[in-house]
Amino acid sequence: MFKQNKSKAPRRERDGLVSYILLQQGDVPDNILAITWVDVLPGSSQKLHSHAPEQVYVIIKGKGRMQVGSEEQDVTEGDLIYIPSNVPHAIKNITNEMFSYISASTPAFDIKELYDKKVI
């Protein structure tokens, strides 16, 4: 069994986003998922980016605005947003409260490496 707690997970901070890497390539044999928990500070936003793995965001707290390709919509707790492979996407906290989501990507990739190279 693989278990990772947010409080002990590797973390990366950039532009008001704090990402906790819960599962990534190499954590378990033959894993096909990469999972992060992301806290977005009030008024902060993720830069528009894209990558080969397809992805979903599950909003777990707060309210934000999500862009996928040319489409933009408000998102809130309980929403799931699907992001196809290589489609530009970004998310923004549009409130004065913490905004959090979980990201799941497949196939798995080395999230720390991408953060450190400033790709995502």
PDB file of N, CA and C in Angstrom:
ATOM      1  N   MET A   1       0.848  -1.179   0.000  1.00  0.00           N
ATOM      2  CA  MET A   1       0.000   0.000   0.000  1.00  0.00           C
ATOM      3  C   MET A   1       0.890   1.237   0.000  1.00  0.00           C
ATOM      4  N   PHE A   2       0.535   2.200  -0.834  1.00  0.00           N
ATOM      5  CA  PHE A   2       1.206   3.494  -0.844  1.00  0.00           C
ATOM      6  C   PHE A   2       0.273   4.493  -0.179  1.00  0.00           C
ATOM      7  N   LYS A   3       0.789   5.252   0.767  1.00  0.00           N
ATOM      8  CA  LYS A   3      -0.002   6.269   1.456  1.00  0.00           C
ATOM      9  C   LYS A   3       0.814   7.548   1.508  1.00  0.00           C
ATOM     10  N   GLN A   4       0.175   8.656   1.194  1.00  0.00           N
ATOM     11  CA  GLN A   4       0.848   9.957   1.252  1.00  0.00           C
ATOM     12  C   GLN A   4      -0.103  10.958   1.908  1.00  0.00           C
ATOM     13  N   ASN A   5       0.375  11.689   2.883  1.00  0.00           N
ATOM     14  CA  ASN A   5      -0.422  12.720   3.525  1.00  0.00           C
ATOM     15  C   ASN A   5       0.034  14.075   3.017  1.00  0.00           C
ATOM     16  N   LYS A   6      -0.912  14.958   2.797  1.00  0.00           N
ATOM     17  CA  LYS A   6      -0.604  16.301   2.309  1.00  0.00           C
ATOM     18  C   LYS A   6       0.486  16.969   3.145  1.00  0.00           C
ATOM     19  N   SER A   7       0.438  16.800   4.459  1.00  0.00           N
ATOM     20  CA  SER A   7       1.396  17.477   5.346  1.00  0.00           C
ATOM     21  C   SER A   7       2.824  16.972   5.170  1.00  0.00           C
ATOM     22  N   LYS A   8       2.997  15.780   4.610  1.00  0.00           N
ATOM     23  CA  LYS A   8       4.336  15.216   4.424  1.00  0.00           C
ATOM     24  C   LYS A   8       4.743  15.125   2.960  1.00  0.00           C
ATOM     25  N   ALA A   9       3.858  15.524   2.071  1.00  0.00           N
ATOM     26  CA  ALA A   9       4.127  15.421   0.634  1.00  0.00           C
ATOM     27  C   ALA A   9       5.133  16.474   0.185  1.00  0.00           C
ATOM     28  N   PRO A  10       5.937  16.155  -0.848  1.00  0.00           N
ATOM     29  CA  PRO A  10       6.790  17.195  -1.423  1.00  0.00           C
ATOM     30  C   PRO A  10       5.916  18.357  -1.890  1.00  0.00           C
ATOM     31  N   ARG A  11       6.395  19.570  -1.718  1.00  0.00           N
ATOM     32  CA  ARG A  11       5.573  20.717  -2.117  1.00  0.00           C
ATOM     33  C   ARG A  11       6.378  21.693  -2.960  1.00  0.00           C
ATOM     34  N   ARG A  12       5.649  22.381  -3.801  1.00  0.00           N
ATOM     35  CA  ARG A  12       6.233  23.414  -4.649  1.00  0.00           C
ATOM     36  C   ARG A  12       5.332  24.633  -4.558  1.00  0.00           C
ATOM     37  N   GLU A  13       5.935  25.834  -4.505  1.00  0.00           N
ATOM     38  CA  GLU A  13       5.172  27.076  -4.442  1.00  0.00           C
ATOM     39  C   GLU A  13       5.571  27.967  -5.597  1.00  0.00           C
ATOM     40  N   ARG A  14       4.550  28.551  -6.233  1.00  0.00           N
ATOM     41  CA  ARG A  14       4.811  29.500  -7.317  1.00  0.00           C
ATOM     42  C   ARG A  14       3.564  30.342  -7.550  1.00  0.00           C
ATOM     43  N   ASP A  15       3.759  31.650  -7.646  1.00  0.00           N
ATOM     44  CA  ASP A  15       2.700  32.587  -8.034  1.00  0.00           C
ATOM     45  C   ASP A  15       1.433  32.442  -7.190  1.00  0.00           C
ATOM     46  N   GLY A  16       1.580  32.203  -5.882  1.00  0.00           N
ATOM     47  CA  GLY A  16       0.427  32.099  -5.003  1.00  0.00           C
ATOM     48  C   GLY A  16      -0.261  30.752  -5.020  1.00  0.00           C
ATOM     49  N   LEU A  17       0.343  29.751  -5.659  1.00  0.00           N
ATOM     50  CA  LEU A  17      -0.171  28.386  -5.650  1.00  0.00           C
ATOM     51  C   LEU A  17       0.785  27.513  -4.851  1.00  0.00           C
ATOM     52  N   VAL A  18       0.239  26.704  -3.954  1.00  0.00           N
ATOM     53  CA  VAL A  18       1.034  25.751  -3.197  1.00  0.00           C
ATOM     54  C   VAL A  18       0.573  24.365  -3.618  1.00  0.00           C
ATOM     55  N   SER A  19       1.476  23.618  -4.240  1.00  0.00           N
ATOM     56  CA  SER A  19       1.148  22.289  -4.771  1.00  0.00           C
ATOM     57  C   SER A  19       1.805  21.219  -3.912  1.00  0.00           C
ATOM     58  N   TYR A  20       0.982  20.271  -3.478  1.00  0.00           N
ATOM     59  CA  TYR A  20       1.444  19.132  -2.687  1.00  0.00           C
ATOM     60  C   TYR A  20       1.409  17.913  -3.606  1.00  0.00           C
ATOM     61  N   ILE A  21       2.558  17.318  -3.841  1.00  0.00           N
ATOM     62  CA  ILE A  21       2.658  16.200  -4.787  1.00  0.00           C
ATOM     63  C   ILE A  21       2.334  14.914  -4.037  1.00  0.00           C
ATOM     64  N   LEU A  22       1.130  14.408  -4.253  1.00  0.00           N
ATOM     65  CA  LEU A  22       0.658  13.233  -3.533  1.00  0.00           C
ATOM     66  C   LEU A  22       1.083  11.921  -4.187  1.00  0.00           C
ATOM     67  N   LEU A  23       1.168  11.900  -5.509  1.00  0.00           N
ATOM     68  CA  LEU A  23       1.562  10.691  -6.236  1.00  0.00           C
ATOM     69  C   LEU A  23       2.133  11.112  -7.575  1.00  0.00           C
ATOM     70  N   GLN A  24       3.294  10.564  -7.913  1.00  0.00           N
ATOM     71  CA  GLN A  24       3.893  10.891  -9.202  1.00  0.00           C
ATOM     72  C   GLN A  24       4.628   9.671  -9.736  1.00  0.00           C
ATOM     73  N   GLN A  25       5.086   9.806 -10.947  1.00  0.00           N
ATOM     74  CA  GLN A  25       5.825   8.740 -11.599  1.00  0.00           C
ATOM     75  C   GLN A  25       6.966   8.267 -10.704  1.00  0.00           C
ATOM     76  N   GLY A  26       7.051   6.961 -10.532  1.00  0.00           N
ATOM     77  CA  GLY A  26       8.122   6.381  -9.726  1.00  0.00           C
ATOM     78  C   GLY A  26       7.764   6.131  -8.278  1.00  0.00           C
ATOM     79  N   ASP A  27       6.643   6.665  -7.791  1.00  0.00           N
ATOM     80  CA  ASP A  27       6.266   6.439  -6.393  1.00  0.00           C
ATOM     81  C   ASP A  27       5.843   4.995  -6.136  1.00  0.00           C
ATOM     82  N   VAL A  28       5.169   4.400  -7.097  1.00  0.00           N
ATOM     83  CA  VAL A  28       4.752   2.999  -6.995  1.00  0.00           C
ATOM     84  C   VAL A  28       5.022   2.323  -8.341  1.00  0.00           C
ATOM     85  N   PRO A  29       5.232   1.018  -8.337  1.00  0.00           N
ATOM     86  CA  PRO A  29       5.494   0.332  -9.604  1.00  0.00           C
ATOM     87  C   PRO A  29       4.315   0.466 -10.568  1.00  0.00           C
ATOM     88  N   ASP A  30       4.631   0.721 -11.806  1.00  0.00           N
ATOM     89  CA  ASP A  30       3.635   0.745 -12.885  1.00  0.00           C
ATOM     90  C   ASP A  30       2.483   1.712 -12.666  1.00  0.00           C
ATOM     91  N   ASN A  31       2.695   2.789 -11.872  1.00  0.00           N
ATOM     92  CA  ASN A  31       1.579   3.716 -11.671  1.00  0.00           C
ATOM     93  C   ASN A  31       1.304   4.509 -12.953  1.00  0.00           C
ATOM     94  N   ILE A  32       0.029   4.776 -13.178  1.00  0.00           N
ATOM     95  CA  ILE A  32      -0.377   5.521 -14.370  1.00  0.00           C
ATOM     96  C   ILE A  32      -1.001   6.865 -14.018  1.00  0.00           C
ATOM     97  N   LEU A  33      -0.992   7.210 -12.727  1.00  0.00           N
ATOM     98  CA  LEU A  33      -1.595   8.461 -12.270  1.00  0.00           C
ATOM     99  C   LEU A  33      -0.566   9.366 -11.602  1.00  0.00           C
ATOM    100  N   ALA A  34      -0.744  10.653 -11.775  1.00  0.00           N
ATOM    101  CA  ALA A  34      -0.012  11.666 -11.019  1.00  0.00           C
ATOM    102  C   ALA A  34      -1.083  12.525 -10.341  1.00  0.00           C
ATOM    103  N   ILE A  35      -0.946  12.733  -9.036  1.00  0.00           N
ATOM    104  CA  ILE A  35      -1.968  13.438  -8.258  1.00  0.00           C
ATOM    105  C   ILE A  35      -1.323  14.569  -7.454  1.00  0.00           C
ATOM    106  N   THR A  36      -1.921  15.757  -7.526  1.00  0.00           N
ATOM    107  CA  THR A  36      -1.492  16.868  -6.680  1.00  0.00           C
ATOM    108  C   THR A  36      -2.700  17.502  -6.005  1.00  0.00           C
ATOM    109  N   TRP A  37      -2.475  18.040  -4.831  1.00  0.00           N
ATOM    110  CA  TRP A  37      -3.443  18.874  -4.118  1.00  0.00           C
ATOM    111  C   TRP A  37      -2.895  20.282  -4.241  1.00  0.00           C
ATOM    112  N   VAL A  38      -3.707  21.211  -4.723  1.00  0.00           N
ATOM    113  CA  VAL A  38      -3.231  22.577  -4.945  1.00  0.00           C
ATOM    114  C   VAL A  38      -4.099  23.565  -4.175  1.00  0.00           C
ATOM    115  N   ASP A  39      -3.456  24.397  -3.355  1.00  0.00           N
ATOM    116  CA  ASP A  39      -4.111  25.502  -2.664  1.00  0.00           C
ATOM    117  C   ASP A  39      -3.759  26.786  -3.410  1.00  0.00           C
ATOM    118  N   VAL A  40      -4.775  27.544  -3.778  1.00  0.00           N
ATOM    119  CA  VAL A  40      -4.581  28.783  -4.533  1.00  0.00           C
ATOM    120  C   VAL A  40      -4.969  29.947  -3.623  1.00  0.00           C
ATOM    121  N   LEU A  41      -4.001  30.801  -3.327  1.00  0.00           N
ATOM    122  CA  LEU A  41      -4.256  31.939  -2.449  1.00  0.00           C
ATOM    123  C   LEU A  41      -5.210  32.933  -3.115  1.00  0.00           C
ATOM    124  N   PRO A  42      -5.935  33.717  -2.321  1.00  0.00           N
ATOM    125  CA  PRO A  42      -6.856  34.704  -2.887  1.00  0.00           C
ATOM    126  C   PRO A  42      -6.185  35.586  -3.939  1.00  0.00           C
ATOM    127  N   GLY A  43      -6.867  35.741  -5.076  1.00  0.00           N
ATOM    128  CA  GLY A  43      -6.376  36.581  -6.156  1.00  0.00           C
ATOM    129  C   GLY A  43      -5.274  35.973  -7.007  1.00  0.00           C
ATOM    130  N   SER A  44      -4.805  34.784  -6.665  1.00  0.00           N
ATOM    131  CA  SER A  44      -3.702  34.156  -7.404  1.00  0.00           C
ATOM    132  C   SER A  44      -4.237  33.320  -8.555  1.00  0.00           C
ATOM    133  N   SER A  45      -3.354  33.064  -9.524  1.00  0.00           N
ATOM    134  CA  SER A  45      -3.762  32.256 -10.673  1.00  0.00           C
ATOM    135  C   SER A  45      -2.598  31.453 -11.212  1.00  0.00           C
ATOM    136  N   GLN A  46      -2.950  30.346 -11.793  1.00  0.00           N
ATOM    137  CA  GLN A  46      -2.006  29.465 -12.468  1.00  0.00           C
ATOM    138  C   GLN A  46      -1.761  30.018 -13.866  1.00  0.00           C
ATOM    139  N   LYS A  47      -0.528  29.970 -14.328  1.00  0.00           N
ATOM    140  CA  LYS A  47      -0.225  30.418 -15.682  1.00  0.00           C
ATOM    141  C   LYS A  47      -0.800  29.434 -16.701  1.00  0.00           C
ATOM    142  N   LEU A  48      -1.228  29.959 -17.828  1.00  0.00           N
ATOM    143  CA  LEU A  48      -1.723  29.131 -18.918  1.00  0.00           C
ATOM    144  C   LEU A  48      -0.596  28.200 -19.361  1.00  0.00           C
ATOM    145  N   HIS A  49      -0.882  26.904 -19.430  1.00  0.00           N
ATOM    146  CA  HIS A  49       0.126  25.917 -19.794  1.00  0.00           C
ATOM    147  C   HIS A  49      -0.556  24.702 -20.413  1.00  0.00           C
ATOM    148  N   SER A  50       0.238  23.827 -20.984  1.00  0.00           N
ATOM    149  CA  SER A  50      -0.292  22.566 -21.514  1.00  0.00           C
ATOM    150  C   SER A  50       0.769  21.492 -21.368  1.00  0.00           C
ATOM    151  N   HIS A  51       0.323  20.238 -21.433  1.00  0.00           N
ATOM    152  CA  HIS A  51       1.221  19.091 -21.335  1.00  0.00           C
ATOM    153  C   HIS A  51       0.531  17.881 -21.937  1.00  0.00           C
ATOM    154  N   ALA A  52       1.310  16.859 -22.231  1.00  0.00           N
ATOM    155  CA  ALA A  52       0.775  15.668 -22.899  1.00  0.00           C
ATOM    156  C   ALA A  52      -0.217  14.874 -22.044  1.00  0.00           C
ATOM    157  N   PRO A  53       0.032  14.674 -20.737  1.00  0.00           N
ATOM    158  CA  PRO A  53      -0.939  13.889 -19.974  1.00  0.00           C
ATOM    159  C   PRO A  53      -2.319  14.558 -19.931  1.00  0.00           C
ATOM    160  N   GLU A  54      -3.375  13.754 -20.126  1.00  0.00           N
ATOM    161  CA  GLU A  54      -4.713  14.305 -19.916  1.00  0.00           C
ATOM    162  C   GLU A  54      -4.927  14.431 -18.417  1.00  0.00           C
ATOM    163  N   GLN A  55      -5.890  15.274 -18.033  1.00  0.00           N
ATOM    164  CA  GLN A  55      -5.978  15.663 -16.635  1.00  0.00           C
ATOM    165  C   GLN A  55      -7.411  15.987 -16.240  1.00  0.00           C
ATOM    166  N   VAL A  56      -7.699  15.854 -14.957  1.00  0.00           N
ATOM    167  CA  VAL A  56      -8.933  16.388 -14.384  1.00  0.00           C
ATOM    168  C   VAL A  56      -8.562  17.211 -13.163  1.00  0.00           C
ATOM    169  N   TYR A  57      -9.350  18.256 -12.917  1.00  0.00           N
ATOM    170  CA  TYR A  57      -9.291  19.003 -11.669  1.00  0.00           C
ATOM    171  C   TYR A  57     -10.607  18.732 -10.958  1.00  0.00           C
ATOM    172  N   VAL A  58     -10.539  18.447  -9.663  1.00  0.00           N
ATOM    173  CA  VAL A  58     -11.724  18.308  -8.824  1.00  0.00           C
ATOM    174  C   VAL A  58     -11.647  19.415  -7.783  1.00  0.00           C
ATOM    175  N   ILE A  59     -12.614  20.328  -7.826  1.00  0.00           N
ATOM    176  CA  ILE A  59     -12.617  21.467  -6.906  1.00  0.00           C
ATOM    177  C   ILE A  59     -13.099  20.981  -5.548  1.00  0.00           C
ATOM    178  N   ILE A  60     -12.271  21.214  -4.510  1.00  0.00           N
ATOM    179  CA  ILE A  60     -12.626  20.723  -3.185  1.00  0.00           C
ATOM    180  C   ILE A  60     -12.955  21.841  -2.194  1.00  0.00           C
ATOM    181  N   LYS A  61     -12.600  23.096  -2.560  1.00  0.00           N
ATOM    182  CA  LYS A  61     -12.908  24.206  -1.662  1.00  0.00           C
ATOM    183  C   LYS A  61     -12.871  25.516  -2.436  1.00  0.00           C
ATOM    184  N   GLY A  62     -13.874  26.342  -2.245  1.00  0.00           N
ATOM    185  CA  GLY A  62     -13.864  27.689  -2.789  1.00  0.00           C
ATOM    186  C   GLY A  62     -14.451  27.809  -4.183  1.00  0.00           C
ATOM    187  N   LYS A  63     -14.123  28.934  -4.814  1.00  0.00           N
ATOM    188  CA  LYS A  63     -14.659  29.254  -6.129  1.00  0.00           C
ATOM    189  C   LYS A  63     -13.551  29.853  -6.987  1.00  0.00           C
ATOM    190  N   GLY A  64     -13.529  29.467  -8.252  1.00  0.00           N
ATOM    191  CA  GLY A  64     -12.502  29.973  -9.155  1.00  0.00           C
ATOM    192  C   GLY A  64     -13.029  30.120 -10.566  1.00  0.00           C
ATOM    193  N   ARG A  65     -12.128  30.457 -11.461  1.00  0.00           N
ATOM    194  CA  ARG A  65     -12.443  30.551 -12.885  1.00  0.00           C
ATOM    195  C   ARG A  65     -11.439  29.691 -13.630  1.00  0.00           C
ATOM    196  N   MET A  66     -11.954  28.778 -14.461  1.00  0.00           N
ATOM    197  CA  MET A  66     -11.123  27.813 -15.184  1.00  0.00           C
ATOM    198  C   MET A  66     -11.154  28.111 -16.664  1.00  0.00           C
ATOM    199  N   GLN A  67      -9.984  28.086 -17.293  1.00  0.00           N
ATOM    200  CA  GLN A  67      -9.892  28.199 -18.746  1.00  0.00           C
ATOM    201  C   GLN A  67      -9.344  26.888 -19.284  1.00  0.00           C
ATOM    202  N   VAL A  68     -10.042  26.323 -20.265  1.00  0.00           N
ATOM    203  CA  VAL A  68      -9.585  25.137 -20.985  1.00  0.00           C
ATOM    204  C   VAL A  68      -9.742  25.458 -22.457  1.00  0.00           C
ATOM    205  N   GLY A  69      -8.617  25.551 -23.163  1.00  0.00           N
ATOM    206  CA  GLY A  69      -8.658  25.992 -24.552  1.00  0.00           C
ATOM    207  C   GLY A  69      -9.181  27.415 -24.606  1.00  0.00           C
ATOM    208  N   SER A  70     -10.172  27.654 -25.453  1.00  0.00           N
ATOM    209  CA  SER A  70     -10.737  29.006 -25.574  1.00  0.00           C
ATOM    210  C   SER A  70     -11.960  29.210 -24.682  1.00  0.00           C
ATOM    211  N   GLU A  71     -12.342  28.187 -23.925  1.00  0.00           N
ATOM    212  CA  GLU A  71     -13.533  28.266 -23.070  1.00  0.00           C
ATOM    213  C   GLU A  71     -13.144  28.626 -21.641  1.00  0.00           C
ATOM    214  N   GLU A  72     -13.951  29.499 -21.012  1.00  0.00           N
ATOM    215  CA  GLU A  72     -13.713  29.918 -19.636  1.00  0.00           C
ATOM    216  C   GLU A  72     -15.022  29.837 -18.859  1.00  0.00           C
ATOM    217  N   GLN A  73     -14.975  29.245 -17.643  1.00  0.00           N
ATOM    218  CA  GLN A  73     -16.172  29.111 -16.811  1.00  0.00           C
ATOM    219  C   GLN A  73     -15.797  29.237 -15.349  1.00  0.00           C
ATOM    220  N   ASP A  74     -16.768  29.716 -14.539  1.00  0.00           N
ATOM    221  CA  ASP A  74     -16.607  29.693 -13.099  1.00  0.00           C
ATOM    222  C   ASP A  74     -16.746  28.255 -12.629  1.00  0.00           C
ATOM    223  N   VAL A  75     -15.962  27.891 -11.598  1.00  0.00           N
ATOM    224  CA  VAL A  75     -16.004  26.548 -11.028  1.00  0.00           C
ATOM    225  C   VAL A  75     -16.118  26.668  -9.520  1.00  0.00           C
ATOM    226  N   THR A  76     -16.717  25.663  -8.898  1.00  0.00           N
ATOM    227  CA  THR A  76     -16.936  25.699  -7.465  1.00  0.00           C
ATOM    228  C   THR A  76     -16.810  24.299  -6.877  1.00  0.00           C
ATOM    229  N   GLU A  77     -16.794  24.230  -5.558  1.00  0.00           N
ATOM    230  CA  GLU A  77     -16.662  22.971  -4.835  1.00  0.00           C
ATOM    231  C   GLU A  77     -17.586  21.896  -5.407  1.00  0.00           C
ATOM    232  N   GLY A  78     -17.003  20.733  -5.685  1.00  0.00           N
ATOM    233  CA  GLY A  78     -17.762  19.609  -6.218  1.00  0.00           C
ATOM    234  C   GLY A  78     -17.662  19.468  -7.729  1.00  0.00           C
ATOM    235  N   ASP A  79     -17.154  20.486  -8.425  1.00  0.00           N
ATOM    236  CA  ASP A  79     -17.022  20.418  -9.891  1.00  0.00           C
ATOM    237  C   ASP A  79     -15.801  19.589 -10.288  1.00  0.00           C
ATOM    238  N   LEU A  80     -15.937  18.871 -11.390  1.00  0.00           N
ATOM    239  CA  LEU A  80     -14.829  18.184 -12.034  1.00  0.00           C
ATOM    240  C   LEU A  80     -14.659  18.797 -13.411  1.00  0.00           C
ATOM    241  N   ILE A  81     -13.422  19.136 -13.764  1.00  0.00           N
ATOM    242  CA  ILE A  81     -13.131  19.717 -15.066  1.00  0.00           C
ATOM    243  C   ILE A  81     -12.172  18.788 -15.790  1.00  0.00           C
ATOM    244  N   TYR A  82     -12.538  18.363 -16.996  1.00  0.00           N
ATOM    245  CA  TYR A  82     -11.681  17.495 -17.811  1.00  0.00           C
ATOM    246  C   TYR A  82     -10.815  18.354 -18.729  1.00  0.00           C
ATOM    247  N   ILE A  83      -9.533  18.028 -18.798  1.00  0.00           N
ATOM    248  CA  ILE A  83      -8.579  18.758 -19.631  1.00  0.00           C
ATOM    249  C   ILE A  83      -7.921  17.764 -20.591  1.00  0.00           C
ATOM    250  N   PRO A  84      -8.231  17.859 -21.881  1.00  0.00           N
ATOM    251  CA  PRO A  84      -7.619  16.931 -22.845  1.00  0.00           C
ATOM    252  C   PRO A  84      -6.108  17.145 -22.966  1.00  0.00           C
ATOM    253  N   SER A  85      -5.441  16.164 -23.494  1.00  0.00           N
ATOM    254  CA  SER A  85      -4.004  16.218 -23.737  1.00  0.00           C
ATOM    255  C   SER A  85      -3.637  17.420 -24.603  1.00  0.00           C
ATOM    256  N   ASN A  86      -2.571  18.115 -24.211  1.00  0.00           N
ATOM    257  CA  ASN A  86      -1.979  19.234 -24.960  1.00  0.00           C
ATOM    258  C   ASN A  86      -2.905  20.435 -25.187  1.00  0.00           C
ATOM    259  N   VAL A  87      -3.947  20.585 -24.379  1.00  0.00           N
ATOM    260  CA  VAL A  87      -4.835  21.746 -24.476  1.00  0.00           C
ATOM    261  C   VAL A  87      -4.426  22.758 -23.399  1.00  0.00           C
ATOM    262  N   PRO A  88      -4.182  24.007 -23.783  1.00  0.00           N
ATOM    263  CA  PRO A  88      -3.812  25.023 -22.798  1.00  0.00           C
ATOM    264  C   PRO A  88      -4.909  25.197 -21.745  1.00  0.00           C
ATOM    265  N   HIS A  89      -4.488  25.346 -20.491  1.00  0.00           N
ATOM    266  CA  HIS A  89      -5.446  25.510 -19.398  1.00  0.00           C
ATOM    267  C   HIS A  89      -4.819  26.302 -18.258  1.00  0.00           C
ATOM    268  N   ALA A  90      -5.694  26.913 -17.448  1.00  0.00           N
ATOM    269  CA  ALA A  90      -5.272  27.703 -16.290  1.00  0.00           C
ATOM    270  C   ALA A  90      -6.454  27.842 -15.350  1.00  0.00           C
ATOM    271  N   ILE A  91      -6.164  28.179 -14.108  1.00  0.00           N
ATOM    272  CA  ILE A  91      -7.221  28.360 -13.119  1.00  0.00           C
ATOM    273  C   ILE A  91      -6.865  29.548 -12.229  1.00  0.00           C
ATOM    274  N   LYS A  92      -7.902  30.241 -11.728  1.00  0.00           N
ATOM    275  CA  LYS A  92      -7.703  31.444 -10.922  1.00  0.00           C
ATOM    276  C   LYS A  92      -8.655  31.429  -9.734  1.00  0.00           C
ATOM    277  N   ASN A  93      -8.159  31.878  -8.586  1.00  0.00           N
ATOM    278  CA  ASN A  93      -8.995  32.082  -7.413  1.00  0.00           C
ATOM    279  C   ASN A  93      -9.641  33.456  -7.558  1.00  0.00           C
ATOM    280  N   ILE A  94     -10.976  33.496  -7.590  1.00  0.00           N
ATOM    281  CA  ILE A  94     -11.687  34.760  -7.809  1.00  0.00           C
ATOM    282  C   ILE A  94     -12.345  35.283  -6.534  1.00  0.00           C
ATOM    283  N   THR A  95     -11.918  34.742  -5.375  1.00  0.00           N
ATOM    284  CA  THR A  95     -12.497  35.172  -4.103  1.00  0.00           C
ATOM    285  C   THR A  95     -11.395  35.625  -3.148  1.00  0.00           C
ATOM    286  N   ASN A  96     -11.812  36.030  -1.957  1.00  0.00           N
ATOM    287  CA  ASN A  96     -10.875  36.411  -0.903  1.00  0.00           C
ATOM    288  C   ASN A  96     -10.616  35.269   0.071  1.00  0.00           C
ATOM    289  N   GLU A  97     -10.999  34.063  -0.310  1.00  0.00           N
ATOM    290  CA  GLU A  97     -10.796  32.886   0.534  1.00  0.00           C
ATOM    291  C   GLU A  97      -9.919  31.884  -0.197  1.00  0.00           C
ATOM    292  N   MET A  98      -9.394  30.907   0.538  1.00  0.00           N
ATOM    293  CA  MET A  98      -8.570  29.864  -0.067  1.00  0.00           C
ATOM    294  C   MET A  98      -9.401  29.068  -1.074  1.00  0.00           C
ATOM    295  N   PHE A  99      -8.783  28.703  -2.155  1.00  0.00           N
ATOM    296  CA  PHE A  99      -9.391  27.898  -3.216  1.00  0.00           C
ATOM    297  C   PHE A  99      -8.502  26.673  -3.394  1.00  0.00           C
ATOM    298  N   SER A 100      -9.085  25.474  -3.367  1.00  0.00           N
ATOM    299  CA  SER A 100      -8.289  24.249  -3.449  1.00  0.00           C
ATOM    300  C   SER A 100      -8.889  23.281  -4.447  1.00  0.00           C
ATOM    301  N   TYR A 101      -7.997  22.564  -5.123  1.00  0.00           N
ATOM    302  CA  TYR A 101      -8.432  21.512  -6.041  1.00  0.00           C
ATOM    303  C   TYR A 101      -7.428  20.371  -6.032  1.00  0.00           C
ATOM    304  N   ILE A 102      -7.901  19.221  -6.475  1.00  0.00           N
ATOM    305  CA  ILE A 102      -7.033  18.060  -6.676  1.00  0.00           C
ATOM    306  C   ILE A 102      -6.907  17.849  -8.167  1.00  0.00           C
ATOM    307  N   SER A 103      -5.687  17.646  -8.609  1.00  0.00           N
ATOM    308  CA  SER A 103      -5.389  17.384 -10.015  1.00  0.00           C
ATOM    309  C   SER A 103      -4.970  15.934 -10.156  1.00  0.00           C
ATOM    310  N   ALA A 104      -5.551  15.250 -11.139  1.00  0.00           N
ATOM    311  CA  ALA A 104      -5.155  13.873 -11.467  1.00  0.00           C
ATOM    312  C   ALA A 104      -4.800  13.829 -12.943  1.00  0.00           C
ATOM    313  N   SER A 105      -3.617  13.286 -13.251  1.00  0.00           N
ATOM    314  CA  SER A 105      -3.134  13.225 -14.630  1.00  0.00           C
ATOM    315  C   SER A 105      -2.762  11.795 -14.991  1.00  0.00           C
ATOM    316  N   THR A 106      -2.969  11.462 -16.253  1.00  0.00           N
ATOM    317  CA  THR A 106      -2.537  10.177 -16.771  1.00  0.00           C
ATOM    318  C   THR A 106      -2.047  10.344 -18.196  1.00  0.00           C
ATOM    319  N   PRO A 107      -0.948   9.741 -18.589  1.00  0.00           N
ATOM    320  CA  PRO A 107      -0.116   8.865 -17.759  1.00  0.00           C
ATOM    321  C   PRO A 107       0.642   9.676 -16.708  1.00  0.00           C
ATOM    322  N   ALA A 108       1.156   8.951 -15.727  1.00  0.00           N
ATOM    323  CA  ALA A 108       1.915   9.599 -14.656  1.00  0.00           C
ATOM    324  C   ALA A 108       3.157  10.264 -15.212  1.00  0.00           C
ATOM    325  N   PHE A 109       3.576  11.331 -14.538  1.00  0.00           N
ATOM    326  CA  PHE A 109       4.816  12.006 -14.917  1.00  0.00           C
ATOM    327  C   PHE A 109       5.502  12.502 -13.656  1.00  0.00           C
ATOM    328  N   ASP A 110       6.737  12.928 -13.786  1.00  0.00           N
ATOM    329  CA  ASP A 110       7.513  13.419 -12.656  1.00  0.00           C
ATOM    330  C   ASP A 110       7.135  14.881 -12.421  1.00  0.00           C
ATOM    331  N   ILE A 111       6.217  15.113 -11.505  1.00  0.00           N
ATOM    332  CA  ILE A 111       5.679  16.447 -11.257  1.00  0.00           C
ATOM    333  C   ILE A 111       6.756  17.381 -10.718  1.00  0.00           C
ATOM    334  N   LYS A 112       7.582  16.890  -9.788  1.00  0.00           N
ATOM    335  CA  LYS A 112       8.632  17.742  -9.220  1.00  0.00           C
ATOM    336  C   LYS A 112       9.545  18.272 -10.316  1.00  0.00           C
ATOM    337  N   GLU A 113       9.905  17.409 -11.270  1.00  0.00           N
ATOM    338  CA  GLU A 113      10.790  17.839 -12.361  1.00  0.00           C
ATOM    339  C   GLU A 113      10.141  18.944 -13.190  1.00  0.00           C
ATOM    340  N   LEU A 114       8.853  18.796 -13.500  1.00  0.00           N
ATOM    341  CA  LEU A 114       8.173  19.823 -14.288  1.00  0.00           C
ATOM    342  C   LEU A 114       8.068  21.139 -13.528  1.00  0.00           C
ATOM    343  N   TYR A 115       7.750  21.088 -12.240  1.00  0.00           N
ATOM    344  CA  TYR A 115       7.693  22.308 -11.446  1.00  0.00           C
ATOM    345  C   TYR A 115       9.060  22.978 -11.402  1.00  0.00           C
ATOM    346  N   ASP A 116      10.084  22.184 -11.172  1.00  0.00           N
ATOM    347  CA  ASP A 116      11.432  22.740 -11.041  1.00  0.00           C
ATOM    348  C   ASP A 116      11.926  23.346 -12.353  1.00  0.00           C
ATOM    349  N   LYS A 117      11.442  22.833 -13.485  1.00  0.00           N
ATOM    350  CA  LYS A 117      11.793  23.394 -14.783  1.00  0.00           C
ATOM    351  C   LYS A 117      10.851  24.525 -15.186  1.00  0.00           C
ATOM    352  N   LYS A 118       9.845  24.786 -14.319  1.00  0.00           N
ATOM    353  CA  LYS A 118       8.842  25.839 -14.534  1.00  0.00           C
ATOM    354  C   LYS A 118       8.003  25.606 -15.791  1.00  0.00           C
ATOM    355  N   VAL A 119       7.739  24.315 -16.096  1.00  0.00           N
ATOM    356  CA  VAL A 119       6.883  23.971 -17.231  1.00  0.00           C
ATOM    357  C   VAL A 119       5.423  24.121 -16.845  1.00  0.00           C
ATOM    358  N   ILE A 120       5.079  23.797 -15.571  1.00  0.00           N
ATOM    359  CA  ILE A 120       3.695  23.947 -15.132  1.00  0.00           C
ATOM    360  C   ILE A 120       3.634  24.931 -13.975  1.00  0.00           C
TER     361      ILE A 120
END
